[in-house]
Amino acid sequence: MFDFRIIDTVDGNQIIDRNLKTPYKALTPLQMVEYLEMDNRLAYMDRMERKARAEAERRRKIARNPIYKIACLCGLV
């Protein structure tokens, strides 16, 4: 079961709704390929988002470190 659903709009665009689930039995072989590709893309985007969030948290912790602030004042960083 996929944790999202691709919804086709009237104007030809597609919307990904992550609140709905899509069972495998409801898909044709062509749709299954499309869903597998989209699942891989969404997983990659989720990983990149987690990585960016962790990097921002790391930078925030470093910036609050008093030793880092002293190093900045001395011109070492």
Protein backbone atom coordinates (compact mmCIF):
# COMPACT_ATOMS: atom_id res chain seq x y z
CA MET A 1 0.00 0.00 0.00
CA PHE A 2 1.37 3.41 -0.97
CA ASP A 3 1.14 6.21 1.61
CA PHE A 4 -0.03 8.74 -0.95
CA ARG A 5 -2.45 9.12 -3.82
CA ILE A 6 -1.92 10.85 -7.16
CA ILE A 7 -5.03 12.80 -8.09
CA ASP A 8 -5.57 13.97 -11.67
CA THR A 9 -7.21 17.38 -11.99
CA VAL A 10 -9.47 18.55 -14.80
CA ASP A 11 -6.77 20.78 -16.33
CA GLY A 12 -4.32 17.85 -16.65
CA ASN A 13 -2.20 18.54 -13.58
CA GLN A 14 -1.55 15.96 -10.90
CA ILE A 15 -1.72 16.49 -7.14
CA ILE A 16 -0.03 14.25 -4.60
CA ASP A 17 -2.17 13.81 -1.49
CA ARG A 18 -0.17 12.29 1.36
CA ASN A 19 -3.25 11.98 3.59
CA LEU A 20 -4.75 9.22 1.44
CA LYS A 21 -3.43 5.71 0.88
CA THR A 22 -3.49 3.74 -2.37
CA PRO A 23 -3.77 -0.07 -2.33
CA TYR A 24 -1.71 -2.02 -4.86
CA LYS A 25 -4.78 -3.85 -6.18
CA ALA A 26 -6.38 -0.57 -7.29
CA LEU A 27 -3.58 0.23 -9.77
CA THR A 28 -3.00 -0.82 -13.35
CA PRO A 29 0.55 -1.89 -14.32
CA LEU A 30 1.24 1.51 -15.88
CA GLN A 31 -0.02 3.32 -12.77
CA MET A 32 2.09 0.99 -10.60
CA VAL A 33 5.23 2.11 -12.43
CA GLU A 34 4.21 5.75 -11.99
CA TYR A 35 3.51 5.22 -8.27
CA LEU A 36 6.83 3.41 -7.73
CA GLU A 37 8.74 6.25 -9.37
CA MET A 38 6.85 8.84 -7.31
CA ASP A 39 7.42 6.83 -4.13
CA ASN A 40 11.17 6.90 -4.79
CA ARG A 41 11.10 10.65 -5.44
CA LEU A 42 9.11 11.36 -2.29
CA ALA A 43 11.47 9.22 -0.21
CA TYR A 44 14.44 11.15 -1.62
CA MET A 45 12.77 14.51 -0.89
CA ASP A 46 11.99 13.38 2.67
CA ARG A 47 15.63 12.37 3.20
CA MET A 48 16.87 15.71 1.87
CA GLU A 49 14.43 17.59 4.12
CA ARG A 50 15.56 15.63 7.20
CA LYS A 51 19.19 16.25 6.27
CA ALA A 52 18.60 20.01 5.87
CA ARG A 53 16.72 20.15 9.17
CA ALA A 54 19.55 18.31 10.96
CA GLU A 55 22.14 20.65 9.43
CA ALA A 56 20.16 23.71 10.54
CA GLU A 57 19.92 22.28 14.05
CA ARG A 58 23.65 21.58 14.09
CA ARG A 59 24.44 25.14 12.97
CA ARG A 60 22.10 26.53 15.61
CA LYS A 61 23.82 24.54 18.35
CA ILE A 62 27.27 25.65 17.17
CA ALA A 63 26.22 29.30 17.02
CA ARG A 64 25.02 29.17 20.63
CA ASN A 65 28.28 27.60 21.84
CA PRO A 66 30.27 30.13 23.94
CA ILE A 67 33.62 28.78 22.71
CA TYR A 68 32.50 29.35 19.11
CA LYS A 69 31.50 32.93 19.97
CA ILE A 70 34.94 33.60 21.50
CA ALA A 71 36.62 32.11 18.42
CA CYS A 72 34.56 34.43 16.21
CA LEU A 73 35.56 37.46 18.28
CA CYS A 74 39.24 36.48 17.96
CA GLY A 75 38.89 36.04 14.21
CA LEU A 76 39.66 32.32 14.18
CA VAL A 77 36.47 31.34 12.41
